[in-house]
Amino acid sequence: MTLLIQAVDGRLFSLVDASGHAVRGRFAARDKGGAAMPGGELVRDHTHYRRAILRGDIKLVAEQEHS
């Protein structure tokens, strides 16, 4: 499953790779300069993001099942 997430103003949340490790210098749903991506970002479903959504660090836009 993948999640389409969107950045929240004033909050930075780390992006994780496929193995669940934080990607240095990158934040979820933000470009390398730190600006929010207008269309959000598609990421693999991970508890790291699910907890962030519940805390309000990022917004869930959509969920997509893989076939």
PDB file of N, CA and C in Angstrom:
ATOM      1  N   MET A   1       0.845  -1.169   0.000  1.00  0.00           N
ATOM      2  CA  MET A   1       0.000   0.000   0.000  1.00  0.00           C
ATOM      3  C   MET A   1       0.896   1.239   0.000  1.00  0.00           C
ATOM      4  N   THR A   2       0.432   2.258  -0.673  1.00  0.00           N
ATOM      5  CA  THR A   2       1.145   3.531  -0.658  1.00  0.00           C
ATOM      6  C   THR A   2       0.227   4.620  -0.117  1.00  0.00           C
ATOM      7  N   LEU A   3       0.852   5.663   0.392  1.00  0.00           N
ATOM      8  CA  LEU A   3       0.124   6.796   0.948  1.00  0.00           C
ATOM      9  C   LEU A   3       0.514   8.053   0.188  1.00  0.00           C
ATOM     10  N   LEU A   4      -0.446   8.883  -0.114  1.00  0.00           N
ATOM     11  CA  LEU A   4      -0.164  10.202  -0.658  1.00  0.00           C
ATOM     12  C   LEU A   4      -0.261  11.150   0.527  1.00  0.00           C
ATOM     13  N   ILE A   5       0.860  11.774   0.867  1.00  0.00           N
ATOM     14  CA  ILE A   5       0.903  12.643   2.040  1.00  0.00           C
ATOM     15  C   ILE A   5       1.210  14.075   1.630  1.00  0.00           C
ATOM     16  N   GLN A   6       0.836  14.990   2.492  1.00  0.00           N
ATOM     17  CA  GLN A   6       1.068  16.408   2.247  1.00  0.00           C
ATOM     18  C   GLN A   6       1.692  17.031   3.489  1.00  0.00           C
ATOM     19  N   ALA A   7       2.602  17.965   3.271  1.00  0.00           N
ATOM     20  CA  ALA A   7       3.272  18.654   4.379  1.00  0.00           C
ATOM     21  C   ALA A   7       2.287  19.564   5.117  1.00  0.00           C
ATOM     22  N   VAL A   8       2.577  19.811   6.387  1.00  0.00           N
ATOM     23  CA  VAL A   8       1.796  20.724   7.222  1.00  0.00           C
ATOM     24  C   VAL A   8       2.674  21.942   7.503  1.00  0.00           C
ATOM     25  N   ASP A   9       2.107  23.136   7.328  1.00  0.00           N
ATOM     26  CA  ASP A   9       2.862  24.367   7.588  1.00  0.00           C
ATOM     27  C   ASP A   9       3.450  24.364   8.985  1.00  0.00           C
ATOM     28  N   GLY A  10       4.708  24.732   9.073  1.00  0.00           N
ATOM     29  CA  GLY A  10       5.371  24.848  10.369  1.00  0.00           C
ATOM     30  C   GLY A  10       5.869  23.545  10.950  1.00  0.00           C
ATOM     31  N   ARG A  11       5.676  22.439  10.239  1.00  0.00           N
ATOM     32  CA  ARG A  11       6.125  21.131  10.737  1.00  0.00           C
ATOM     33  C   ARG A  11       7.046  20.473   9.730  1.00  0.00           C
ATOM     34  N   LEU A  12       8.136  19.902  10.226  1.00  0.00           N
ATOM     35  CA  LEU A  12       9.052  19.127   9.391  1.00  0.00           C
ATOM     36  C   LEU A  12       9.047  17.702   9.917  1.00  0.00           C
ATOM     37  N   PHE A  13       8.935  16.749   9.020  1.00  0.00           N
ATOM     38  CA  PHE A  13       8.887  15.353   9.412  1.00  0.00           C
ATOM     39  C   PHE A  13       9.779  14.546   8.484  1.00  0.00           C
ATOM     40  N   SER A  14      10.650  13.723   9.048  1.00  0.00           N
ATOM     41  CA  SER A  14      11.643  13.011   8.245  1.00  0.00           C
ATOM     42  C   SER A  14      11.027  11.995   7.289  1.00  0.00           C
ATOM     43  N   LEU A  15      11.641  11.896   6.124  1.00  0.00           N
ATOM     44  CA  LEU A  15      11.280  10.910   5.118  1.00  0.00           C
ATOM     45  C   LEU A  15      12.033   9.629   5.445  1.00  0.00           C
ATOM     46  N   VAL A  16      11.402   8.469   5.256  1.00  0.00           N
ATOM     47  CA  VAL A  16      12.095   7.201   5.492  1.00  0.00           C
ATOM     48  C   VAL A  16      12.210   6.425   4.183  1.00  0.00           C
ATOM     49  N   ASP A  17      13.290   5.640   4.064  1.00  0.00           N
ATOM     50  CA  ASP A  17      13.484   4.825   2.866  1.00  0.00           C
ATOM     51  C   ASP A  17      12.710   3.517   3.000  1.00  0.00           C
ATOM     52  N   ALA A  18      12.852   2.653   2.021  1.00  0.00           N
ATOM     53  CA  ALA A  18      12.104   1.385   1.988  1.00  0.00           C
ATOM     54  C   ALA A  18      12.396   0.488   3.175  1.00  0.00           C
ATOM     55  N   SER A  19      13.578   0.626   3.785  1.00  0.00           N
ATOM     56  CA  SER A  19      13.913  -0.206   4.942  1.00  0.00           C
ATOM     57  C   SER A  19      13.550   0.466   6.265  1.00  0.00           C
ATOM     58  N   GLY A  20      12.952   1.665   6.204  1.00  0.00           N
ATOM     59  CA  GLY A  20      12.499   2.337   7.416  1.00  0.00           C
ATOM     60  C   GLY A  20      13.517   3.258   8.058  1.00  0.00           C
ATOM     61  N   HIS A  21      14.629   3.521   7.363  1.00  0.00           N
ATOM     62  CA  HIS A  21      15.659   4.413   7.903  1.00  0.00           C
ATOM     63  C   HIS A  21      15.427   5.844   7.422  1.00  0.00           C
ATOM     64  N   ALA A  22      15.649   6.809   8.297  1.00  0.00           N
ATOM     65  CA  ALA A  22      15.477   8.218   7.939  1.00  0.00           C
ATOM     66  C   ALA A  22      16.456   8.601   6.830  1.00  0.00           C
ATOM     67  N   VAL A  23      15.966   9.381   5.885  1.00  0.00           N
ATOM     68  CA  VAL A  23      16.794   9.885   4.788  1.00  0.00           C
ATOM     69  C   VAL A  23      17.339  11.242   5.225  1.00  0.00           C
ATOM     70  N   ARG A  24      18.650  11.346   5.351  1.00  0.00           N
ATOM     71  CA  ARG A  24      19.272  12.590   5.817  1.00  0.00           C
ATOM     72  C   ARG A  24      18.975  13.749   4.861  1.00  0.00           C
ATOM     73  N   GLY A  25      18.589  14.864   5.450  1.00  0.00           N
ATOM     74  CA  GLY A  25      18.381  16.071   4.670  1.00  0.00           C
ATOM     75  C   GLY A  25      17.093  16.133   3.878  1.00  0.00           C
ATOM     76  N   ARG A  26      16.193  15.160   4.084  1.00  0.00           N
ATOM     77  CA  ARG A  26      14.913  15.154   3.357  1.00  0.00           C
ATOM     78  C   ARG A  26      13.767  15.051   4.334  1.00  0.00           C
ATOM     79  N   PHE A  27      12.743  15.825   4.057  1.00  0.00           N
ATOM     80  CA  PHE A  27      11.545  15.808   4.882  1.00  0.00           C
ATOM     81  C   PHE A  27      10.363  15.344   4.040  1.00  0.00           C
ATOM     82  N   ALA A  28       9.439  14.649   4.679  1.00  0.00           N
ATOM     83  CA  ALA A  28       8.277  14.090   3.993  1.00  0.00           C
ATOM     84  C   ALA A  28       7.446  15.193   3.341  1.00  0.00           C
ATOM     85  N   ALA A  29       7.099  14.968   2.069  1.00  0.00           N
ATOM     86  CA  ALA A  29       6.242  15.865   1.275  1.00  0.00           C
ATOM     87  C   ALA A  29       6.854  17.249   1.074  1.00  0.00           C
ATOM     88  N   ARG A  30       8.181  17.337   1.186  1.00  0.00           N
ATOM     89  CA  ARG A  30       8.898  18.599   0.938  1.00  0.00           C
ATOM     90  C   ARG A  30      10.034  18.330  -0.044  1.00  0.00           C
ATOM     91  N   ASP A  31      10.348  19.350  -0.850  1.00  0.00           N
ATOM     92  CA  ASP A  31      11.452  19.185  -1.798  1.00  0.00           C
ATOM     93  C   ASP A  31      12.784  19.335  -1.063  1.00  0.00           C
ATOM     94  N   LYS A  32      13.888  19.196  -1.791  1.00  0.00           N
ATOM     95  CA  LYS A  32      15.204  19.254  -1.160  1.00  0.00           C
ATOM     96  C   LYS A  32      15.497  20.600  -0.522  1.00  0.00           C
ATOM     97  N   GLY A  33      14.809  21.652  -0.977  1.00  0.00           N
ATOM     98  CA  GLY A  33      14.973  22.987  -0.392  1.00  0.00           C
ATOM     99  C   GLY A  33      14.091  23.211   0.827  1.00  0.00           C
ATOM    100  N   GLY A  34      13.213  22.248   1.120  1.00  0.00           N
ATOM    101  CA  GLY A  34      12.346  22.346   2.287  1.00  0.00           C
ATOM    102  C   GLY A  34      10.957  22.904   2.008  1.00  0.00           C
ATOM    103  N   ALA A  35      10.668  23.261   0.750  1.00  0.00           N
ATOM    104  CA  ALA A  35       9.341  23.777   0.399  1.00  0.00           C
ATOM    105  C   ALA A  35       8.351  22.619   0.245  1.00  0.00           C
ATOM    106  N   ALA A  36       7.114  22.876   0.656  1.00  0.00           N
ATOM    107  CA  ALA A  36       6.073  21.851   0.526  1.00  0.00           C
ATOM    108  C   ALA A  36       5.836  21.532  -0.948  1.00  0.00           C
ATOM    109  N   MET A  37       5.730  20.239  -1.269  1.00  0.00           N
ATOM    110  CA  MET A  37       5.439  19.816  -2.641  1.00  0.00           C
ATOM    111  C   MET A  37       3.949  20.049  -2.893  1.00  0.00           C
ATOM    112  N   PRO A  38       3.594  20.816  -3.932  1.00  0.00           N
ATOM    113  CA  PRO A  38       2.186  21.155  -4.172  1.00  0.00           C
ATOM    114  C   PRO A  38       1.278  19.938  -4.330  1.00  0.00           C
ATOM    115  N   GLY A  39       1.773  18.878  -4.953  1.00  0.00           N
ATOM    116  CA  GLY A  39       0.961  17.678  -5.161  1.00  0.00           C
ATOM    117  C   GLY A  39       1.148  16.625  -4.093  1.00  0.00           C
ATOM    118  N   GLY A  40       1.900  16.953  -3.037  1.00  0.00           N
ATOM    119  CA  GLY A  40       2.203  15.978  -1.999  1.00  0.00           C
ATOM    120  C   GLY A  40       3.271  14.999  -2.465  1.00  0.00           C
ATOM    121  N   GLU A  41       3.424  13.920  -1.717  1.00  0.00           N
ATOM    122  CA  GLU A  41       4.430  12.906  -2.058  1.00  0.00           C
ATOM    123  C   GLU A  41       3.860  11.518  -1.821  1.00  0.00           C
ATOM    124  N   LEU A  42       4.125  10.616  -2.743  1.00  0.00           N
ATOM    125  CA  LEU A  42       3.686   9.225  -2.637  1.00  0.00           C
ATOM    126  C   LEU A  42       4.767   8.435  -1.914  1.00  0.00           C
ATOM    127  N   VAL A  43       4.405   7.809  -0.790  1.00  0.00           N
ATOM    128  CA  VAL A  43       5.372   7.055   0.016  1.00  0.00           C
ATOM    129  C   VAL A  43       4.799   5.677   0.335  1.00  0.00           C
ATOM    130  N   ARG A  44       5.686   4.749   0.688  1.00  0.00           N
ATOM    131  CA  ARG A  44       5.232   3.417   1.114  1.00  0.00           C
ATOM    132  C   ARG A  44       4.568   3.532   2.480  1.00  0.00           C
ATOM    133  N   ASP A  45       3.512   2.747   2.683  1.00  0.00           N
ATOM    134  CA  ASP A  45       2.823   2.745   3.971  1.00  0.00           C
ATOM    135  C   ASP A  45       3.796   2.255   5.044  1.00  0.00           C
ATOM    136  N   HIS A  46       3.913   3.015   6.116  1.00  0.00           N
ATOM    137  CA  HIS A  46       4.846   2.690   7.193  1.00  0.00           C
ATOM    138  C   HIS A  46       4.305   3.296   8.484  1.00  0.00           C
ATOM    139  N   THR A  47       4.533   2.624   9.599  1.00  0.00           N
ATOM    140  CA  THR A  47       4.047   3.136  10.892  1.00  0.00           C
ATOM    141  C   THR A  47       4.617   4.517  11.206  1.00  0.00           C
ATOM    142  N   HIS A  48       5.793   4.824  10.695  1.00  0.00           N
ATOM    143  CA  HIS A  48       6.422   6.133  10.861  1.00  0.00           C
ATOM    144  C   HIS A  48       5.471   7.228  10.363  1.00  0.00           C
ATOM    145  N   TYR A  49       4.876   7.018   9.190  1.00  0.00           N
ATOM    146  CA  TYR A  49       3.945   8.000   8.619  1.00  0.00           C
ATOM    147  C   TYR A  49       2.587   7.947   9.307  1.00  0.00           C
ATOM    148  N   ARG A  50       2.120   6.750   9.638  1.00  0.00           N
ATOM    149  CA  ARG A  50       0.812   6.628  10.294  1.00  0.00           C
ATOM    150  C   ARG A  50       0.791   7.386  11.635  1.00  0.00           C
ATOM    151  N   ARG A  51       1.864   7.260  12.397  1.00  0.00           N
ATOM    152  CA  ARG A  51       1.943   7.987  13.677  1.00  0.00           C
ATOM    153  C   ARG A  51       2.004   9.490  13.442  1.00  0.00           C
ATOM    154  N   ALA A  52       2.726   9.905  12.418  1.00  0.00           N
ATOM    155  CA  ALA A  52       2.835  11.335  12.096  1.00  0.00           C
ATOM    156  C   ALA A  52       1.486  11.917  11.681  1.00  0.00           C
ATOM    157  N   ILE A  53       0.705  11.139  10.950  1.00  0.00           N
ATOM    158  CA  ILE A  53      -0.633  11.580  10.541  1.00  0.00           C
ATOM    159  C   ILE A  53      -1.505  11.775  11.778  1.00  0.00           C
ATOM    160  N   LEU A  54      -1.461  10.830  12.711  1.00  0.00           N
ATOM    161  CA  LEU A  54      -2.258  10.934  13.935  1.00  0.00           C
ATOM    162  C   LEU A  54      -1.863  12.136  14.789  1.00  0.00           C
ATOM    163  N   ARG A  55      -0.563  12.486  14.778  1.00  0.00           N
ATOM    164  CA  ARG A  55      -0.070  13.640  15.547  1.00  0.00           C
ATOM    165  C   ARG A  55      -0.304  14.967  14.840  1.00  0.00           C
ATOM    166  N   GLY A  56      -0.618  14.909  13.541  1.00  0.00           N
ATOM    167  CA  GLY A  56      -0.813  16.136  12.772  1.00  0.00           C
ATOM    168  C   GLY A  56       0.465  16.690  12.163  1.00  0.00           C
ATOM    169  N   ASP A  57       1.532  15.886  12.117  1.00  0.00           N
ATOM    170  CA  ASP A  57       2.794  16.333  11.519  1.00  0.00           C
ATOM    171  C   ASP A  57       2.729  16.369   9.994  1.00  0.00           C
ATOM    172  N   ILE A  58       1.927  15.487   9.407  1.00  0.00           N
ATOM    173  CA  ILE A  58       1.677  15.452   7.969  1.00  0.00           C
ATOM    174  C   ILE A  58       0.201  15.131   7.771  1.00  0.00           C
ATOM    175  N   LYS A  59      -0.307  15.383   6.555  1.00  0.00           N
ATOM    176  CA  LYS A  59      -1.707  15.087   6.234  1.00  0.00           C
ATOM    177  C   LYS A  59      -1.783  13.907   5.271  1.00  0.00           C
ATOM    178  N   LEU A  60      -2.748  13.039   5.493  1.00  0.00           N
ATOM    179  CA  LEU A  60      -3.020  11.941   4.569  1.00  0.00           C
ATOM    180  C   LEU A  60      -3.997  12.444   3.519  1.00  0.00           C
ATOM    181  N   VAL A  61      -3.596  12.370   2.241  1.00  0.00           N
ATOM    182  CA  VAL A  61      -4.450  12.803   1.151  1.00  0.00           C
ATOM    183  C   VAL A  61      -5.208  11.602   0.584  1.00  0.00           C
ATOM    184  N   ALA A  62      -4.501  10.479   0.373  1.00  0.00           N
ATOM    185  CA  ALA A  62      -5.116   9.280  -0.201  1.00  0.00           C
ATOM    186  C   ALA A  62      -4.287   8.042   0.123  1.00  0.00           C
ATOM    187  N   GLU A  63      -4.944   6.891   0.074  1.00  0.00           N
ATOM    188  CA  GLU A  63      -4.293   5.584   0.229  1.00  0.00           C
ATOM    189  C   GLU A  63      -4.522   4.806  -1.045  1.00  0.00           C
ATOM    190  N   GLN A  64      -3.505   4.073  -1.486  1.00  0.00           N
ATOM    191  CA  GLN A  64      -3.642   3.266  -2.696  1.00  0.00           C
ATOM    192  C   GLN A  64      -3.189   1.849  -2.421  1.00  0.00           C
ATOM    193  N   GLU A  65      -4.048   0.878  -2.754  1.00  0.00           N
ATOM    194  CA  GLU A  65      -3.717  -0.540  -2.638  1.00  0.00           C
ATOM    195  C   GLU A  65      -2.910  -0.968  -3.842  1.00  0.00           C
ATOM    196  N   HIS A  66      -2.002  -1.872  -3.654  1.00  0.00           N
ATOM    197  CA  HIS A  66      -1.255  -2.449  -4.780  1.00  0.00           C
ATOM    198  C   HIS A  66      -1.935  -3.732  -5.196  1.00  0.00           C
ATOM    199  N   SER A  67      -1.975  -3.998  -6.512  1.00  0.00           N
ATOM    200  CA  SER A  67      -2.580  -5.247  -6.951  1.00  0.00           C
ATOM    201  C   SER A  67      -1.539  -6.274  -7.315  1.00  0.00           C
TER     202      SER A  67
END
